[in-house]
Amino acid sequence: MTNSLNKKEIIELLPHREPMLLIEELIDIKKLFSATAIVNVKKSSFFVQGHFPDNPVMPGVLIVEDFGQAAAALTAHGIDKETYENKLVFLMGVEKARFRNPVIPDCKLELHIEAIRSHGRVWKYKGEAFVEGKKMADAIWSATIVDRK
């Protein structure tokens, strides 16, 4: 099992597509435990035009989406391919999300995520988001694995 995934490999695991596939890479993967996702936040990103044109900031809800995508990719990569083949990972809830500093475009957002526990199809995760070593956000959330319809 590889220690990293590029965008093409992530596309094979997740149902997300442009412009909503936000993570570029998943690195430092520890199977079903932790990983770091890379998100390149650009001035050309779809959300910048309206949030906010004169002072662009990445919406906090998209940072939470990034956390979810990273966790889904970590989980899908770690479980047996046949088990995951006809499944999706859905966000169930966000217990805590704190936005400590604004994420300004033209930066690399690093998301350090960790699976806290799993019980059947339900998983709980925690994560922290950084730009150049500065904490931008953190969250705790849960997700479930469901059958594709």
C-alpha atoms as a PDB file:
ATOM      1  CA  MET A   1       0.000   0.000   0.000  1.00  0.00           C
ATOM      2  CA  THR A   2       1.360   3.397  -0.971  1.00  0.00           C
ATOM      3  CA  ASN A   3       2.215   6.171   1.446  1.00  0.00           C
ATOM      4  CA  SER A   4       0.733   8.894  -0.807  1.00  0.00           C
ATOM      5  CA  LEU A   5      -1.997   9.502  -3.382  1.00  0.00           C
ATOM      6  CA  ASN A   6      -1.966  11.953  -6.271  1.00  0.00           C
ATOM      7  CA  LYS A   7      -5.090  13.649  -7.629  1.00  0.00           C
ATOM      8  CA  LYS A   8      -5.699  10.946 -10.243  1.00  0.00           C
ATOM      9  CA  GLU A   9      -5.641   8.268  -7.528  1.00  0.00           C
ATOM     10  CA  ILE A  10      -7.929  10.360  -5.304  1.00  0.00           C
ATOM     11  CA  ILE A  11     -10.422  10.632  -8.200  1.00  0.00           C
ATOM     12  CA  GLU A  12     -10.531   6.824  -8.306  1.00  0.00           C
ATOM     13  CA  LEU A  13     -11.569   6.752  -4.631  1.00  0.00           C
ATOM     14  CA  LEU A  14     -13.960   9.708  -4.303  1.00  0.00           C
ATOM     15  CA  PRO A  15     -17.099  10.659  -6.225  1.00  0.00           C
ATOM     16  CA  HIS A  16     -16.145  14.368  -6.171  1.00  0.00           C
ATOM     17  CA  ARG A  17     -15.220  16.094  -9.435  1.00  0.00           C
ATOM     18  CA  GLU A  18     -14.101  19.586 -10.424  1.00  0.00           C
ATOM     19  CA  PRO A  19     -14.728  22.136  -9.161  1.00  0.00           C
ATOM     20  CA  MET A  20     -15.681  20.396  -5.870  1.00  0.00           C
ATOM     21  CA  LEU A  21     -12.720  18.021  -5.672  1.00  0.00           C
ATOM     22  CA  LEU A  22     -10.582  20.260  -3.515  1.00  0.00           C
ATOM     23  CA  ILE A  23      -7.729  18.064  -2.275  1.00  0.00           C
ATOM     24  CA  GLU A  24      -4.724  17.679  -4.572  1.00  0.00           C
ATOM     25  CA  GLU A  25      -2.692  15.053  -2.718  1.00  0.00           C
ATOM     26  CA  LEU A  26      -2.823  12.809   0.302  1.00  0.00           C
ATOM     27  CA  ILE A  27       0.623  12.239   1.817  1.00  0.00           C
ATOM     28  CA  ASP A  28       2.164  10.623   4.889  1.00  0.00           C
ATOM     29  CA  ILE A  29      -0.618   8.034   4.928  1.00  0.00           C
ATOM     30  CA  LYS A  30      -0.758   5.694   7.913  1.00  0.00           C
ATOM     31  CA  LYS A  31      -3.373   3.118   6.892  1.00  0.00           C
ATOM     32  CA  LEU A  32      -6.792   3.882   8.400  1.00  0.00           C
ATOM     33  CA  PHE A  33      -5.158   6.148  10.999  1.00  0.00           C
ATOM     34  CA  SER A  34      -3.818   9.440   9.644  1.00  0.00           C
ATOM     35  CA  ALA A  35      -2.666  11.429   6.635  1.00  0.00           C
ATOM     36  CA  THR A  36      -1.942  14.932   5.419  1.00  0.00           C
ATOM     37  CA  ALA A  37      -3.993  16.396   2.578  1.00  0.00           C
ATOM     38  CA  ILE A  38      -2.722  19.204   0.372  1.00  0.00           C
ATOM     39  CA  VAL A  39      -5.103  21.849  -0.987  1.00  0.00           C
ATOM     40  CA  ASN A  40      -3.751  24.530  -3.314  1.00  0.00           C
ATOM     41  CA  VAL A  41      -5.877  27.591  -2.612  1.00  0.00           C
ATOM     42  CA  LYS A  42      -5.575  29.794  -5.710  1.00  0.00           C
ATOM     43  CA  LYS A  43      -6.831  33.232  -6.709  1.00  0.00           C
ATOM     44  CA  SER A  44      -8.524  31.423  -9.597  1.00  0.00           C
ATOM     45  CA  SER A  45     -10.441  29.078  -7.257  1.00  0.00           C
ATOM     46  CA  PHE A  46     -14.190  29.070  -7.975  1.00  0.00           C
ATOM     47  CA  PHE A  47     -15.172  30.514  -4.591  1.00  0.00           C
ATOM     48  CA  VAL A  48     -12.892  33.575  -4.745  1.00  0.00           C
ATOM     49  CA  GLN A  49     -15.097  35.516  -7.194  1.00  0.00           C
ATOM     50  CA  GLY A  50     -17.848  35.913  -4.622  1.00  0.00           C
ATOM     51  CA  HIS A  51     -16.088  35.405  -1.261  1.00  0.00           C
ATOM     52  CA  PHE A  52     -14.987  38.235  -1.260  1.00  0.00           C
ATOM     53  CA  PRO A  53     -13.920  39.928  -4.522  1.00  0.00           C
ATOM     54  CA  ASP A  54     -11.873  42.722  -2.925  1.00  0.00           C
ATOM     55  CA  ASN A  55     -10.602  40.643  -0.003  1.00  0.00           C
ATOM     56  CA  PRO A  56     -10.673  36.927  -0.989  1.00  0.00           C
ATOM     57  CA  VAL A  57     -10.940  34.385   1.814  1.00  0.00           C
ATOM     58  CA  MET A  58     -11.538  30.644   1.578  1.00  0.00           C
ATOM     59  CA  PRO A  59     -14.971  29.939   3.128  1.00  0.00           C
ATOM     60  CA  GLY A  60     -14.758  28.008   6.396  1.00  0.00           C
ATOM     61  CA  VAL A  61     -17.354  25.536   5.164  1.00  0.00           C
ATOM     62  CA  LEU A  62     -14.950  24.567   2.345  1.00  0.00           C
ATOM     63  CA  ILE A  63     -12.196  23.912   4.881  1.00  0.00           C
ATOM     64  CA  VAL A  64     -14.618  21.513   6.595  1.00  0.00           C
ATOM     65  CA  GLU A  65     -15.328  19.985   3.148  1.00  0.00           C
ATOM     66  CA  ASP A  66     -11.565  19.552   2.677  1.00  0.00           C
ATOM     67  CA  PHE A  67     -11.370  17.731   6.007  1.00  0.00           C
ATOM     68  CA  GLY A  68     -14.215  15.455   4.889  1.00  0.00           C
ATOM     69  CA  GLN A  69     -12.645  14.703   1.508  1.00  0.00           C
ATOM     70  CA  ALA A  70      -9.302  13.908   3.127  1.00  0.00           C
ATOM     71  CA  ALA A  71     -10.936  11.568   5.647  1.00  0.00           C
ATOM     72  CA  ALA A  72     -12.982   9.842   2.929  1.00  0.00           C
ATOM     73  CA  ALA A  73      -9.853   9.294   0.819  1.00  0.00           C
ATOM     74  CA  LEU A  74      -7.908   7.975   3.847  1.00  0.00           C
ATOM     75  CA  THR A  75     -10.706   5.540   4.675  1.00  0.00           C
ATOM     76  CA  ALA A  76     -11.359   4.423   1.089  1.00  0.00           C
ATOM     77  CA  HIS A  77      -7.634   3.889   0.518  1.00  0.00           C
ATOM     78  CA  GLY A  78      -7.270   1.836   3.689  1.00  0.00           C
ATOM     79  CA  ILE A  79     -10.164  -0.596   3.408  1.00  0.00           C
ATOM     80  CA  ASP A  80     -10.403  -3.512   1.014  1.00  0.00           C
ATOM     81  CA  LYS A  81     -11.155  -2.319  -2.530  1.00  0.00           C
ATOM     82  CA  GLU A  82     -13.976  -4.824  -2.989  1.00  0.00           C
ATOM     83  CA  THR A  83     -15.556  -3.636   0.259  1.00  0.00           C
ATOM     84  CA  TYR A  84     -15.432   0.016  -0.809  1.00  0.00           C
ATOM     85  CA  GLU A  85     -16.158  -0.451  -4.520  1.00  0.00           C
ATOM     86  CA  ASN A  86     -19.892   0.248  -4.275  1.00  0.00           C
ATOM     87  CA  LYS A  87     -19.797   2.555  -1.260  1.00  0.00           C
ATOM     88  CA  LEU A  88     -19.686   6.280  -0.507  1.00  0.00           C
ATOM     89  CA  VAL A  89     -18.525   8.166   2.564  1.00  0.00           C
ATOM     90  CA  PHE A  90     -21.018  10.789   3.790  1.00  0.00           C
ATOM     91  CA  LEU A  91     -20.451  13.470   6.383  1.00  0.00           C
ATOM     92  CA  MET A  92     -22.744  12.871   9.369  1.00  0.00           C
ATOM     93  CA  GLY A  93     -21.902  15.724  11.683  1.00  0.00           C
ATOM     94  CA  VAL A  94     -19.410  18.350  12.729  1.00  0.00           C
ATOM     95  CA  GLU A  95     -19.008  18.510  16.494  1.00  0.00           C
ATOM     96  CA  LYS A  96     -16.450  21.262  16.585  1.00  0.00           C
ATOM     97  CA  ALA A  97     -15.042  23.512  13.936  1.00  0.00           C
ATOM     98  CA  ARG A  98     -12.900  26.502  14.807  1.00  0.00           C
ATOM     99  CA  PHE A  99     -11.573  28.973  12.279  1.00  0.00           C
ATOM    100  CA  ARG A 100      -8.539  30.641  13.799  1.00  0.00           C
ATOM    101  CA  ASN A 101      -7.114  32.601  10.880  1.00  0.00           C
ATOM    102  CA  PRO A 102      -8.401  33.429   7.388  1.00  0.00           C
ATOM    103  CA  VAL A 103      -7.099  31.310   4.524  1.00  0.00           C
ATOM    104  CA  ILE A 104      -6.046  33.796   1.854  1.00  0.00           C
ATOM    105  CA  PRO A 105      -5.672  32.537  -1.747  1.00  0.00           C
ATOM    106  CA  ASP A 106      -2.354  31.661  -3.252  1.00  0.00           C
ATOM    107  CA  CYS A 107      -1.308  29.397  -0.439  1.00  0.00           C
ATOM    108  CA  LYS A 108      -0.876  25.706   0.268  1.00  0.00           C
ATOM    109  CA  LEU A 109      -3.323  24.485   2.914  1.00  0.00           C
ATOM    110  CA  GLU A 110      -2.113  21.376   4.758  1.00  0.00           C
ATOM    111  CA  LEU A 111      -4.726  19.310   6.553  1.00  0.00           C
ATOM    112  CA  HIS A 112      -3.461  16.908   9.194  1.00  0.00           C
ATOM    113  CA  ILE A 113      -6.234  14.402   9.807  1.00  0.00           C
ATOM    114  CA  GLU A 114      -6.604  11.456  12.133  1.00  0.00           C
ATOM    115  CA  ALA A 115      -9.237   8.748  12.520  1.00  0.00           C
ATOM    116  CA  ILE A 116     -10.155   8.784  16.211  1.00  0.00           C
ATOM    117  CA  ARG A 117     -12.370   5.697  16.173  1.00  0.00           C
ATOM    118  CA  SER A 118     -14.654   3.572  14.069  1.00  0.00           C
ATOM    119  CA  HIS A 119     -17.674   1.487  14.945  1.00  0.00           C
ATOM    120  CA  GLY A 120     -19.109  -0.469  12.052  1.00  0.00           C
ATOM    121  CA  ARG A 121     -19.782   1.992   9.246  1.00  0.00           C
ATOM    122  CA  VAL A 122     -19.416   5.098  11.425  1.00  0.00           C
ATOM    123  CA  TRP A 123     -16.055   6.849  11.738  1.00  0.00           C
ATOM    124  CA  LYS A 124     -14.943   9.805  13.835  1.00  0.00           C
ATOM    125  CA  TYR A 125     -12.059  12.067  12.825  1.00  0.00           C
ATOM    126  CA  LYS A 126     -10.168  15.115  13.963  1.00  0.00           C
ATOM    127  CA  GLY A 127      -8.060  17.483  11.931  1.00  0.00           C
ATOM    128  CA  GLU A 128      -6.030  20.648  11.898  1.00  0.00           C
ATOM    129  CA  ALA A 129      -5.408  22.937   8.922  1.00  0.00           C
ATOM    130  CA  PHE A 130      -2.151  24.865   8.515  1.00  0.00           C
ATOM    131  CA  VAL A 131      -0.616  27.399   6.133  1.00  0.00           C
ATOM    132  CA  GLU A 132       3.159  27.720   6.455  1.00  0.00           C
ATOM    133  CA  GLY A 133       3.013  26.139   9.909  1.00  0.00           C
ATOM    134  CA  LYS A 134       0.328  28.504  11.232  1.00  0.00           C
ATOM    135  CA  LYS A 135      -2.904  26.871  12.441  1.00  0.00           C
ATOM    136  CA  MET A 136      -5.854  28.136  10.424  1.00  0.00           C
ATOM    137  CA  ALA A 137      -8.636  25.809  11.577  1.00  0.00           C
ATOM    138  CA  ASP A 138      -9.429  22.609  13.418  1.00  0.00           C
ATOM    139  CA  ALA A 139     -12.436  20.324  13.596  1.00  0.00           C
ATOM    140  CA  ILE A 140     -13.888  17.072  14.883  1.00  0.00           C
ATOM    141  CA  TRP A 141     -16.417  15.343  12.625  1.00  0.00           C
ATOM    142  CA  SER A 142     -18.050  12.007  11.897  1.00  0.00           C
ATOM    143  CA  ALA A 143     -18.882  10.200   8.685  1.00  0.00           C
ATOM    144  CA  THR A 144     -20.547   7.007   7.581  1.00  0.00           C
ATOM    145  CA  ILE A 145     -19.960   4.539   4.777  1.00  0.00           C
ATOM    146  CA  VAL A 146     -23.148   3.888   2.803  1.00  0.00           C
ATOM    147  CA  ASP A 147     -24.112   1.819  -0.233  1.00  0.00           C
ATOM    148  CA  ARG A 148     -24.106   3.590  -3.594  1.00  0.00           C
ATOM    149  CA  LYS A 149     -27.550   3.763  -5.110  1.00  0.00           C
END
